[in-house]
PDB file of all heavy atoms in Angstrom:
ATOM      1  N   ASP A   1       0.860  -1.185   0.000  1.00  0.00           N
ATOM      2  CA  ASP A   1       0.000   0.000   0.000  1.00  0.00           C
ATOM      3  C   ASP A   1       0.892   1.228   0.000  1.00  0.00           C
ATOM      4  O   ASP A   1       1.430   1.618   1.041  1.00  0.00           O
ATOM      5  CB  ASP A   1      -0.913  -0.012   1.229  1.00  0.00           C
ATOM      6  CG  ASP A   1      -1.800   1.226   1.292  1.00  0.00           C
ATOM      7  OD1 ASP A   1      -2.397   1.568   0.262  1.00  0.00           O
ATOM      8  OD2 ASP A   1      -1.872   1.839   2.367  1.00  0.00           O
ATOM      9  N   THR A   2       1.066   1.845  -1.171  1.00  0.00           N
ATOM     10  CA  THR A   2       2.002   2.965  -1.267  1.00  0.00           C
ATOM     11  C   THR A   2       1.401   4.224  -1.891  1.00  0.00           C
ATOM     12  O   THR A   2       1.930   5.313  -1.687  1.00  0.00           O
ATOM     13  CB  THR A   2       3.237   2.557  -2.111  1.00  0.00           C
ATOM     14  OG1 THR A   2       2.802   2.115  -3.410  1.00  0.00           O
ATOM     15  CG2 THR A   2       4.005   1.423  -1.426  1.00  0.00           C
ATOM     16  N   THR A   3       0.308   4.092  -2.621  1.00  0.00           N
ATOM     17  CA  THR A   3      -0.239   5.259  -3.321  1.00  0.00           C
ATOM     18  C   THR A   3      -0.888   6.251  -2.367  1.00  0.00           C
ATOM     19  O   THR A   3      -0.593   7.453  -2.387  1.00  0.00           O
ATOM     20  CB  THR A   3      -1.253   4.824  -4.396  1.00  0.00           C
ATOM     21  OG1 THR A   3      -0.601   3.941  -5.318  1.00  0.00           O
ATOM     22  CG2 THR A   3      -1.779   6.027  -5.158  1.00  0.00           C
ATOM     23  N   VAL A   4      -1.787   5.765  -1.498  1.00  0.00           N
ATOM     24  CA  VAL A   4      -2.438   6.653  -0.532  1.00  0.00           C
ATOM     25  C   VAL A   4      -1.404   7.270   0.421  1.00  0.00           C
ATOM     26  O   VAL A   4      -1.447   8.481   0.682  1.00  0.00           O
ATOM     27  CB  VAL A   4      -3.545   5.924   0.249  1.00  0.00           C
ATOM     28  CG1 VAL A   4      -4.066   6.779   1.398  1.00  0.00           C
ATOM     29  CG2 VAL A   4      -4.699   5.561  -0.695  1.00  0.00           C
ATOM     30  N   PRO A   5      -0.439   6.489   0.948  1.00  0.00           N
ATOM     31  CA  PRO A   5       0.598   7.106   1.781  1.00  0.00           C
ATOM     32  C   PRO A   5       1.385   8.203   1.058  1.00  0.00           C
ATOM     33  O   PRO A   5       1.829   9.160   1.693  1.00  0.00           O
ATOM     34  CB  PRO A   5       1.511   5.927   2.139  1.00  0.00           C
ATOM     35  CG  PRO A   5       0.598   4.749   2.122  1.00  0.00           C
ATOM     36  CD  PRO A   5      -0.351   5.014   1.003  1.00  0.00           C
ATOM     37  N   MET A   6       1.550   8.059  -0.268  1.00  0.00           N
ATOM     38  CA  MET A   6       2.227   9.109  -1.020  1.00  0.00           C
ATOM     39  C   MET A   6       1.436  10.418  -0.947  1.00  0.00           C
ATOM     40  O   MET A   6       2.013  11.496  -0.720  1.00  0.00           O
ATOM     41  CB  MET A   6       2.390   8.697  -2.485  1.00  0.00           C
ATOM     42  CG  MET A   6       3.012   9.771  -3.369  1.00  0.00           C
ATOM     43  SD  MET A   6       2.956   9.370  -5.129  1.00  0.00           S
ATOM     44  CE  MET A   6       1.186   9.503  -5.452  1.00  0.00           C
ATOM     45  N   TYR A   7       0.103  10.335  -1.107  1.00  0.00           N
ATOM     46  CA  TYR A   7      -0.738  11.532  -1.025  1.00  0.00           C
ATOM     47  C   TYR A   7      -0.737  12.107   0.398  1.00  0.00           C
ATOM     48  O   TYR A   7      -0.787  13.330   0.587  1.00  0.00           O
ATOM     49  CB  TYR A   7      -2.163  11.219  -1.469  1.00  0.00           C
ATOM     50  CG  TYR A   7      -2.278  10.948  -2.951  1.00  0.00           C
ATOM     51  CD1 TYR A   7      -2.779   9.749  -3.429  1.00  0.00           C
ATOM     52  CD2 TYR A   7      -1.871  11.915  -3.879  1.00  0.00           C
ATOM     53  CE1 TYR A   7      -2.880   9.498  -4.795  1.00  0.00           C
ATOM     54  CE2 TYR A   7      -1.965  11.672  -5.246  1.00  0.00           C
ATOM     55  CZ  TYR A   7      -2.465  10.470  -5.696  1.00  0.00           C
ATOM     56  OH  TYR A   7      -2.559  10.233  -7.041  1.00  0.00           O
ATOM     57  N   VAL A   8      -0.662  11.208   1.382  1.00  0.00           N
ATOM     58  CA  VAL A   8      -0.563  11.669   2.774  1.00  0.00           C
ATOM     59  C   VAL A   8       0.713  12.478   2.968  1.00  0.00           C
ATOM     60  O   VAL A   8       0.701  13.565   3.569  1.00  0.00           O
ATOM     61  CB  VAL A   8      -0.600  10.478   3.751  1.00  0.00           C
ATOM     62  CG1 VAL A   8      -0.189  10.922   5.158  1.00  0.00           C
ATOM     63  CG2 VAL A   8      -1.978   9.850   3.780  1.00  0.00           C
ATOM     64  N   ASN A   9       1.841  11.958   2.437  1.00  0.00           N
ATOM     65  CA  ASN A   9       3.114  12.678   2.565  1.00  0.00           C
ATOM     66  C   ASN A   9       3.084  14.007   1.821  1.00  0.00           C
ATOM     67  O   ASN A   9       3.639  15.009   2.299  1.00  0.00           O
ATOM     68  CB  ASN A   9       4.257  11.811   2.048  1.00  0.00           C
ATOM     69  CG  ASN A   9       4.639  10.709   3.018  1.00  0.00           C
ATOM     70  OD1 ASN A   9       4.179  10.700   4.160  1.00  0.00           O
ATOM     71  ND2 ASN A   9       5.460   9.775   2.582  1.00  0.00           N
ATOM     72  N   LEU A  10       2.447  14.012   0.648  1.00  0.00           N
ATOM     73  CA  LEU A  10       2.312  15.259  -0.101  1.00  0.00           C
ATOM     74  C   LEU A  10       1.574  16.308   0.732  1.00  0.00           C
ATOM     75  O   LEU A  10       2.003  17.466   0.827  1.00  0.00           O
ATOM     76  CB  LEU A  10       1.559  14.999  -1.406  1.00  0.00           C
ATOM     77  CG  LEU A  10       1.229  16.237  -2.257  1.00  0.00           C
ATOM     78  CD1 LEU A  10       2.503  16.914  -2.740  1.00  0.00           C
ATOM     79  CD2 LEU A  10       0.344  15.847  -3.443  1.00  0.00           C
ATOM     80  N   PHE A  11       0.484  15.888   1.364  1.00  0.00           N
ATOM     81  CA  PHE A  11      -0.295  16.796   2.202  1.00  0.00           C
ATOM     82  C   PHE A  11       0.500  17.219   3.441  1.00  0.00           C
ATOM     83  O   PHE A  11       0.576  18.402   3.786  1.00  0.00           O
ATOM     84  CB  PHE A  11      -1.609  16.132   2.620  1.00  0.00           C
ATOM     85  CG  PHE A  11      -2.408  16.928   3.607  1.00  0.00           C
ATOM     86  CD1 PHE A  11      -3.136  18.043   3.202  1.00  0.00           C
ATOM     87  CD2 PHE A  11      -2.429  16.583   4.953  1.00  0.00           C
ATOM     88  CE1 PHE A  11      -3.867  18.796   4.117  1.00  0.00           C
ATOM     89  CE2 PHE A  11      -3.155  17.313   5.881  1.00  0.00           C
ATOM     90  CZ  PHE A  11      -3.879  18.426   5.454  1.00  0.00           C
ATOM     91  N   ALA A  12       1.110  16.219   4.107  1.00  0.00           N
ATOM     92  CA  ALA A  12       1.801  16.484   5.373  1.00  0.00           C
ATOM     93  C   ALA A  12       3.001  17.409   5.184  1.00  0.00           C
ATOM     94  O   ALA A  12       3.208  18.351   5.965  1.00  0.00           O
ATOM     95  CB  ALA A  12       2.242  15.177   6.017  1.00  0.00           C
ATOM     96  N   TYR A  13       3.804  17.155   4.144  1.00  0.00           N
ATOM     97  CA  TYR A  13       5.057  17.883   3.990  1.00  0.00           C
ATOM     98  C   TYR A  13       4.908  19.181   3.192  1.00  0.00           C
ATOM     99  O   TYR A  13       5.540  20.184   3.514  1.00  0.00           O
ATOM    100  CB  TYR A  13       6.110  16.989   3.312  1.00  0.00           C
ATOM    101  CG  TYR A  13       6.399  15.724   4.086  1.00  0.00           C
ATOM    102  CD1 TYR A  13       6.677  14.527   3.438  1.00  0.00           C
ATOM    103  CD2 TYR A  13       6.378  15.710   5.479  1.00  0.00           C
ATOM    104  CE1 TYR A  13       6.942  13.362   4.147  1.00  0.00           C
ATOM    105  CE2 TYR A  13       6.635  14.553   6.194  1.00  0.00           C
ATOM    106  CZ  TYR A  13       6.914  13.380   5.530  1.00  0.00           C
ATOM    107  OH  TYR A  13       7.164  12.232   6.223  1.00  0.00           O
ATOM    108  N   TRP A  14       4.072  19.156   2.154  1.00  0.00           N
ATOM    109  CA  TRP A  14       4.017  20.291   1.246  1.00  0.00           C
ATOM    110  C   TRP A  14       2.800  21.193   1.449  1.00  0.00           C
ATOM    111  O   TRP A  14       2.790  22.318   0.974  1.00  0.00           O
ATOM    112  CB  TRP A  14       4.071  19.800  -0.206  1.00  0.00           C
ATOM    113  CG  TRP A  14       5.441  19.324  -0.554  1.00  0.00           C
ATOM    114  CD1 TRP A  14       5.995  18.109  -0.242  1.00  0.00           C
ATOM    115  CD2 TRP A  14       6.458  20.045  -1.235  1.00  0.00           C
ATOM    116  NE1 TRP A  14       7.283  18.032  -0.686  1.00  0.00           N
ATOM    117  CE2 TRP A  14       7.595  19.210  -1.312  1.00  0.00           C
ATOM    118  CE3 TRP A  14       6.513  21.314  -1.796  1.00  0.00           C
ATOM    119  CZ2 TRP A  14       8.778  19.612  -1.924  1.00  0.00           C
ATOM    120  CZ3 TRP A  14       7.689  21.722  -2.420  1.00  0.00           C
ATOM    121  CH2 TRP A  14       8.800  20.876  -2.467  1.00  0.00           C
ATOM    122  N   VAL A  15       1.761  20.678   2.114  1.00  0.00           N
ATOM    123  CA  VAL A  15       0.586  21.509   2.404  1.00  0.00           C
ATOM    124  C   VAL A  15       0.626  22.006   3.847  1.00  0.00           C
ATOM    125  O   VAL A  15       0.243  23.138   4.137  1.00  0.00           O
ATOM    126  CB  VAL A  15      -0.726  20.739   2.132  1.00  0.00           C
ATOM    127  CG1 VAL A  15      -1.945  21.584   2.506  1.00  0.00           C
ATOM    128  CG2 VAL A  15      -0.806  20.324   0.665  1.00  0.00           C
ATOM    129  N   VAL A  16       1.118  21.153   4.760  1.00  0.00           N
ATOM    130  CA  VAL A  16       1.185  21.528   6.171  1.00  0.00           C
ATOM    131  C   VAL A  16       2.590  21.995   6.564  1.00  0.00           C
ATOM    132  O   VAL A  16       2.794  23.131   6.995  1.00  0.00           O
ATOM    133  CB  VAL A  16       0.747  20.356   7.086  1.00  0.00           C
ATOM    134  CG1 VAL A  16       0.912  20.743   8.555  1.00  0.00           C
ATOM    135  CG2 VAL A  16      -0.690  19.966   6.802  1.00  0.00           C
ATOM    136  N   GLY A  17       3.581  21.125   6.417  1.00  0.00           N
ATOM    137  CA  GLY A  17       4.916  21.380   6.959  1.00  0.00           C
ATOM    138  C   GLY A  17       5.621  22.603   6.404  1.00  0.00           C
ATOM    139  O   GLY A  17       5.976  23.525   7.151  1.00  0.00           O
ATOM    140  N   LEU A  18       5.843  22.622   5.080  1.00  0.00           N
ATOM    141  CA  LEU A  18       6.591  23.736   4.483  1.00  0.00           C
ATOM    142  C   LEU A  18       5.876  25.083   4.600  1.00  0.00           C
ATOM    143  O   LEU A  18       6.493  26.069   5.029  1.00  0.00           O
ATOM    144  CB  LEU A  18       6.900  23.420   3.019  1.00  0.00           C
ATOM    145  CG  LEU A  18       8.226  22.700   2.754  1.00  0.00           C
ATOM    146  CD1 LEU A  18       8.353  22.353   1.282  1.00  0.00           C
ATOM    147  CD2 LEU A  18       9.407  23.555   3.195  1.00  0.00           C
ATOM    148  N   PRO A  19       4.584  25.178   4.234  1.00  0.00           N
ATOM    149  CA  PRO A  19       3.925  26.486   4.365  1.00  0.00           C
ATOM    150  C   PRO A  19       3.893  27.004   5.803  1.00  0.00           C
ATOM    151  O   PRO A  19       4.118  28.187   6.041  1.00  0.00           O
ATOM    152  CB  PRO A  19       2.501  26.212   3.846  1.00  0.00           C
ATOM    153  CG  PRO A  19       2.646  25.044   2.941  1.00  0.00           C
ATOM    154  CD  PRO A  19       3.705  24.197   3.563  1.00  0.00           C
ATOM    155  N   LEU A  20       3.626  26.095   6.759  1.00  0.00           N
ATOM    156  CA  LEU A  20       3.592  26.516   8.156  1.00  0.00           C
ATOM    157  C   LEU A  20       4.963  26.986   8.609  1.00  0.00           C
ATOM    158  O   LEU A  20       5.100  28.024   9.291  1.00  0.00           O
ATOM    159  CB  LEU A  20       3.099  25.373   9.043  1.00  0.00           C
ATOM    160  CG  LEU A  20       3.015  25.677  10.547  1.00  0.00           C
ATOM    161  CD1 LEU A  20       2.018  26.808  10.809  1.00  0.00           C
ATOM    162  CD2 LEU A  20       2.616  24.416  11.328  1.00  0.00           C
ATOM    163  N   GLY A  21       6.010  26.219   8.254  1.00  0.00           N
ATOM    164  CA  GLY A  21       7.365  26.602   8.621  1.00  0.00           C
ATOM    165  C   GLY A  21       7.751  27.943   8.021  1.00  0.00           C
ATOM    166  O   GLY A  21       8.361  28.778   8.694  1.00  0.00           O
ATOM    167  N   TYR A  22       7.396  28.161   6.752  1.00  0.00           N
ATOM    168  CA  TYR A  22       7.706  29.431   6.094  1.00  0.00           C
ATOM    169  C   TYR A  22       6.963  30.588   6.766  1.00  0.00           C
ATOM    170  O   TYR A  22       7.551  31.650   7.013  1.00  0.00           O
ATOM    171  CB  TYR A  22       7.329  29.360   4.613  1.00  0.00           C
ATOM    172  CG  TYR A  22       7.714  30.609   3.843  1.00  0.00           C
ATOM    173  CD1 TYR A  22       8.986  30.742   3.292  1.00  0.00           C
ATOM    174  CD2 TYR A  22       6.810  31.650   3.690  1.00  0.00           C
ATOM    175  CE1 TYR A  22       9.349  31.889   2.606  1.00  0.00           C
ATOM    176  CE2 TYR A  22       7.162  32.803   3.000  1.00  0.00           C
ATOM    177  CZ  TYR A  22       8.436  32.920   2.456  1.00  0.00           C
ATOM    178  OH  TYR A  22       8.783  34.064   1.783  1.00  0.00           O
ATOM    179  N   TYR A  23       5.692  30.358   7.064  1.00  0.00           N
ATOM    180  CA  TYR A  23       4.877  31.411   7.676  1.00  0.00           C
ATOM    181  C   TYR A  23       5.435  31.821   9.045  1.00  0.00           C
ATOM    182  O   TYR A  23       5.588  33.007   9.348  1.00  0.00           O
ATOM    183  CB  TYR A  23       3.432  30.942   7.810  1.00  0.00           C
ATOM    184  CG  TYR A  23       2.523  31.947   8.479  1.00  0.00           C
ATOM    185  CD1 TYR A  23       2.165  33.127   7.838  1.00  0.00           C
ATOM    186  CD2 TYR A  23       2.035  31.707   9.772  1.00  0.00           C
ATOM    187  CE1 TYR A  23       1.337  34.056   8.465  1.00  0.00           C
ATOM    188  CE2 TYR A  23       1.207  32.628  10.399  1.00  0.00           C
ATOM    189  CZ  TYR A  23       0.859  33.797   9.740  1.00  0.00           C
ATOM    190  OH  TYR A  23       0.046  34.723  10.368  1.00  0.00           O
ATOM    191  N   LEU A  24       5.755  30.800   9.865  1.00  0.00           N
ATOM    192  CA  LEU A  24       6.247  31.092  11.213  1.00  0.00           C
ATOM    193  C   LEU A  24       7.690  31.593  11.197  1.00  0.00           C
ATOM    194  O   LEU A  24       8.035  32.553  11.893  1.00  0.00           O
ATOM    195  CB  LEU A  24       6.141  29.845  12.093  1.00  0.00           C
ATOM    196  CG  LEU A  24       4.720  29.345  12.398  1.00  0.00           C
ATOM    197  CD1 LEU A  24       4.775  28.040  13.164  1.00  0.00           C
ATOM    198  CD2 LEU A  24       3.933  30.392  13.188  1.00  0.00           C
ATOM    199  N   GLY A  25       8.531  30.913  10.410  1.00  0.00           N
ATOM    200  CA  GLY A  25       9.954  31.236  10.445  1.00  0.00           C
ATOM    201  C   GLY A  25      10.329  32.493   9.683  1.00  0.00           C
ATOM    202  O   GLY A  25      11.173  33.275  10.144  1.00  0.00           O
ATOM    203  N   ILE A  26       9.706  32.685   8.502  1.00  0.00           N
ATOM    204  CA  ILE A  26      10.086  33.810   7.638  1.00  0.00           C
ATOM    205  C   ILE A  26       9.102  34.979   7.755  1.00  0.00           C
ATOM    206  O   ILE A  26       9.489  36.110   8.046  1.00  0.00           O
ATOM    207  CB  ILE A  26      10.192  33.352   6.170  1.00  0.00           C
ATOM    208  CG1 ILE A  26      11.128  32.130   6.054  1.00  0.00           C
ATOM    209  CG2 ILE A  26      10.667  34.496   5.295  1.00  0.00           C
ATOM    210  CD1 ILE A  26      12.546  32.374   6.511  1.00  0.00           C
ATOM    211  N   THR A  27       7.800  34.684   7.551  1.00  0.00           N
ATOM    212  CA  THR A  27       6.810  35.759   7.556  1.00  0.00           C
ATOM    213  C   THR A  27       6.666  36.406   8.933  1.00  0.00           C
ATOM    214  O   THR A  27       6.694  37.636   9.070  1.00  0.00           O
ATOM    215  CB  THR A  27       5.440  35.230   7.089  1.00  0.00           C
ATOM    216  OG1 THR A  27       5.588  34.597   5.817  1.00  0.00           O
ATOM    217  CG2 THR A  27       4.435  36.371   6.965  1.00  0.00           C
ATOM    218  N   LEU A  28       6.495  35.565   9.975  1.00  0.00           N
ATOM    219  CA  LEU A  28       6.343  36.094  11.336  1.00  0.00           C
ATOM    220  C   LEU A  28       7.685  36.317  12.031  1.00  0.00           C
ATOM    221  O   LEU A  28       7.728  36.751  13.181  1.00  0.00           O
ATOM    222  CB  LEU A  28       5.475  35.155  12.175  1.00  0.00           C
ATOM    223  CG  LEU A  28       4.012  35.000  11.735  1.00  0.00           C
ATOM    224  CD1 LEU A  28       3.247  34.145  12.734  1.00  0.00           C
ATOM    225  CD2 LEU A  28       3.335  36.361  11.579  1.00  0.00           C
ATOM    226  N   ASN A  29       8.773  35.927  11.334  1.00  0.00           N
ATOM    227  CA  ASN A  29      10.128  36.205  11.819  1.00  0.00           C
ATOM    228  C   ASN A  29      10.471  35.485  13.127  1.00  0.00           C
ATOM    229  O   ASN A  29      11.201  36.017  13.976  1.00  0.00           O
ATOM    230  CB  ASN A  29      10.333  37.725  11.996  1.00  0.00           C
ATOM    231  CG  ASN A  29      11.804  38.109  11.965  1.00  0.00           C
ATOM    232  OD1 ASN A  29      12.613  37.439  11.313  1.00  0.00           O
ATOM    233  ND2 ASN A  29      12.157  39.162  12.675  1.00  0.00           N
ATOM    234  N   TYR A  30       9.951  34.248  13.287  1.00  0.00           N
ATOM    235  CA  TYR A  30      10.339  33.449  14.449  1.00  0.00           C
ATOM    236  C   TYR A  30      11.660  32.722  14.223  1.00  0.00           C
ATOM    237  O   TYR A  30      12.156  32.054  15.126  1.00  0.00           O
ATOM    238  CB  TYR A  30       9.246  32.432  14.791  1.00  0.00           C
ATOM    239  CG  TYR A  30       8.007  33.049  15.403  1.00  0.00           C
ATOM    240  CD1 TYR A  30       6.753  32.481  15.213  1.00  0.00           C
ATOM    241  CD2 TYR A  30       8.086  34.193  16.190  1.00  0.00           C
ATOM    242  CE1 TYR A  30       5.607  33.037  15.776  1.00  0.00           C
ATOM    243  CE2 TYR A  30       6.962  34.758  16.762  1.00  0.00           C
ATOM    244  CZ  TYR A  30       5.723  34.177  16.541  1.00  0.00           C
ATOM    245  OH  TYR A  30       4.607  34.735  17.100  1.00  0.00           O
ATOM    246  N   GLY A  31      12.218  32.827  13.010  1.00  0.00           N
ATOM    247  CA  GLY A  31      13.541  32.288  12.739  1.00  0.00           C
ATOM    248  C   GLY A  31      13.597  30.771  12.652  1.00  0.00           C
ATOM    249  O   GLY A  31      12.616  30.115  12.278  1.00  0.00           O
ATOM    250  N   PRO A  32      14.766  30.181  12.997  1.00  0.00           N
ATOM    251  CA  PRO A  32      14.960  28.731  12.882  1.00  0.00           C
ATOM    252  C   PRO A  32      13.890  27.912  13.615  1.00  0.00           C
ATOM    253  O   PRO A  32      13.432  26.890  13.110  1.00  0.00           O
ATOM    254  CB  PRO A  32      16.339  28.510  13.514  1.00  0.00           C
ATOM    255  CG  PRO A  32      17.039  29.812  13.358  1.00  0.00           C
ATOM    256  CD  PRO A  32      15.978  30.862  13.488  1.00  0.00           C
ATOM    257  N   GLN A  33      13.486  28.392  14.796  1.00  0.00           N
ATOM    258  CA  GLN A  33      12.482  27.645  15.569  1.00  0.00           C
ATOM    259  C   GLN A  33      11.147  27.584  14.824  1.00  0.00           C
ATOM    260  O   GLN A  33      10.465  26.564  14.842  1.00  0.00           O
ATOM    261  CB  GLN A  33      12.285  28.295  16.947  1.00  0.00           C
ATOM    262  CG  GLN A  33      13.478  28.170  17.880  1.00  0.00           C
ATOM    263  CD  GLN A  33      14.584  29.179  17.572  1.00  0.00           C
ATOM    264  OE1 GLN A  33      14.391  30.101  16.776  1.00  0.00           O
ATOM    265  NE2 GLN A  33      15.736  28.994  18.188  1.00  0.00           N
ATOM    266  N   GLY A  34      10.781  28.671  14.146  1.00  0.00           N
ATOM    267  CA  GLY A  34       9.541  28.682  13.373  1.00  0.00           C
ATOM    268  C   GLY A  34       9.579  27.689  12.228  1.00  0.00           C
ATOM    269  O   GLY A  34       8.601  26.982  11.963  1.00  0.00           O
ATOM    270  N   LEU A  35      10.718  27.633  11.535  1.00  0.00           N
ATOM    271  CA  LEU A  35      10.867  26.669  10.443  1.00  0.00           C
ATOM    272  C   LEU A  35      10.771  25.237  10.958  1.00  0.00           C
ATOM    273  O   LEU A  35      10.177  24.369  10.318  1.00  0.00           O
ATOM    274  CB  LEU A  35      12.206  26.887   9.732  1.00  0.00           C
ATOM    275  CG  LEU A  35      12.293  28.137   8.837  1.00  0.00           C
ATOM    276  CD1 LEU A  35      13.740  28.426   8.457  1.00  0.00           C
ATOM    277  CD2 LEU A  35      11.452  27.942   7.583  1.00  0.00           C
ATOM    278  N   TRP A  36      11.337  24.990  12.126  1.00  0.00           N
ATOM    279  CA  TRP A  36      11.313  23.633  12.676  1.00  0.00           C
ATOM    280  C   TRP A  36       9.924  23.246  13.191  1.00  0.00           C
ATOM    281  O   TRP A  36       9.590  22.058  13.225  1.00  0.00           O
ATOM    282  CB  TRP A  36      12.366  23.501  13.776  1.00  0.00           C
ATOM    283  CG  TRP A  36      13.693  23.091  13.211  1.00  0.00           C
ATOM    284  CD1 TRP A  36      14.393  23.728  12.243  1.00  0.00           C
ATOM    285  CD2 TRP A  36      14.472  21.944  13.575  1.00  0.00           C
ATOM    286  NE1 TRP A  36      15.569  23.070  11.974  1.00  0.00           N
ATOM    287  CE2 TRP A  36      15.643  21.973  12.780  1.00  0.00           C
ATOM    288  CE3 TRP A  36      14.307  20.925  14.495  1.00  0.00           C
ATOM    289  CZ2 TRP A  36      16.625  20.992  12.877  1.00  0.00           C
ATOM    290  CZ3 TRP A  36      15.300  19.958  14.599  1.00  0.00           C
ATOM    291  CH2 TRP A  36      16.432  19.986  13.800  1.00  0.00           C
ATOM    292  N   ILE A  37       9.113  24.201  13.580  1.00  0.00           N
ATOM    293  CA  ILE A  37       7.733  23.883  13.949  1.00  0.00           C
ATOM    294  C   ILE A  37       7.007  23.297  12.735  1.00  0.00           C
ATOM    295  O   ILE A  37       6.200  22.368  12.856  1.00  0.00           O
ATOM    296  CB  ILE A  37       7.000  25.132  14.482  1.00  0.00           C
ATOM    297  CG1 ILE A  37       7.559  25.517  15.853  1.00  0.00           C
ATOM    298  CG2 ILE A  37       5.485  24.884  14.580  1.00  0.00           C
ATOM    299  CD1 ILE A  37       7.020  26.843  16.385  1.00  0.00           C
ATOM    300  N   GLY A  38       7.328  23.827  11.547  1.00  0.00           N
ATOM    301  CA  GLY A  38       6.767  23.269  10.319  1.00  0.00           C
ATOM    302  C   GLY A  38       7.191  21.825  10.115  1.00  0.00           C
ATOM    303  O   GLY A  38       6.371  20.974   9.737  1.00  0.00           O
ATOM    304  N   LEU A  39       8.473  21.516  10.371  1.00  0.00           N
ATOM    305  CA  LEU A  39       8.957  20.131  10.262  1.00  0.00           C
ATOM    306  C   LEU A  39       8.193  19.217  11.222  1.00  0.00           C
ATOM    307  O   LEU A  39       7.760  18.120  10.848  1.00  0.00           O
ATOM    308  CB  LEU A  39      10.452  20.063  10.569  1.00  0.00           C
ATOM    309  CG  LEU A  39      11.424  20.722   9.582  1.00  0.00           C
ATOM    310  CD1 LEU A  39      12.856  20.564  10.081  1.00  0.00           C
ATOM    311  CD2 LEU A  39      11.277  20.118   8.199  1.00  0.00           C
ATOM    312  N   ILE A  40       8.059  19.669  12.454  1.00  0.00           N
ATOM    313  CA  ILE A  40       7.353  18.875  13.470  1.00  0.00           C
ATOM    314  C   ILE A  40       5.916  18.614  13.034  1.00  0.00           C
ATOM    315  O   ILE A  40       5.411  17.483  13.124  1.00  0.00           O
ATOM    316  CB  ILE A  40       7.383  19.587  14.840  1.00  0.00           C
ATOM    317  CG1 ILE A  40       8.806  19.659  15.373  1.00  0.00           C
ATOM    318  CG2 ILE A  40       6.477  18.869  15.842  1.00  0.00           C
ATOM    319  CD1 ILE A  40       8.959  20.559  16.592  1.00  0.00           C
ATOM    320  N   ALA A  41       5.248  19.644  12.544  1.00  0.00           N
ATOM    321  CA  ALA A  41       3.846  19.509  12.135  1.00  0.00           C
ATOM    322  C   ALA A  41       3.714  18.524  10.981  1.00  0.00           C
ATOM    323  O   ALA A  41       2.827  17.643  10.988  1.00  0.00           O
ATOM    324  CB  ALA A  41       3.282  20.873  11.738  1.00  0.00           C
ATOM    325  N   GLY A  42       4.591  18.646   9.979  1.00  0.00           N
ATOM    326  CA  GLY A  42       4.520  17.751   8.828  1.00  0.00           C
ATOM    327  C   GLY A  42       4.743  16.295   9.212  1.00  0.00           C
ATOM    328  O   GLY A  42       3.993  15.408   8.790  1.00  0.00           O
TER     329      GLY A  42
END
């Protein structure tokens, strides 16, 4: 079973993780910790 998990990873990493990390780390200027919150979430 690999197709559905692929879509899960797409959602987790590219819809949740990266945008959240960018928003917190770059946009809100929380720096490295903000980017890593995105990693944790994804």
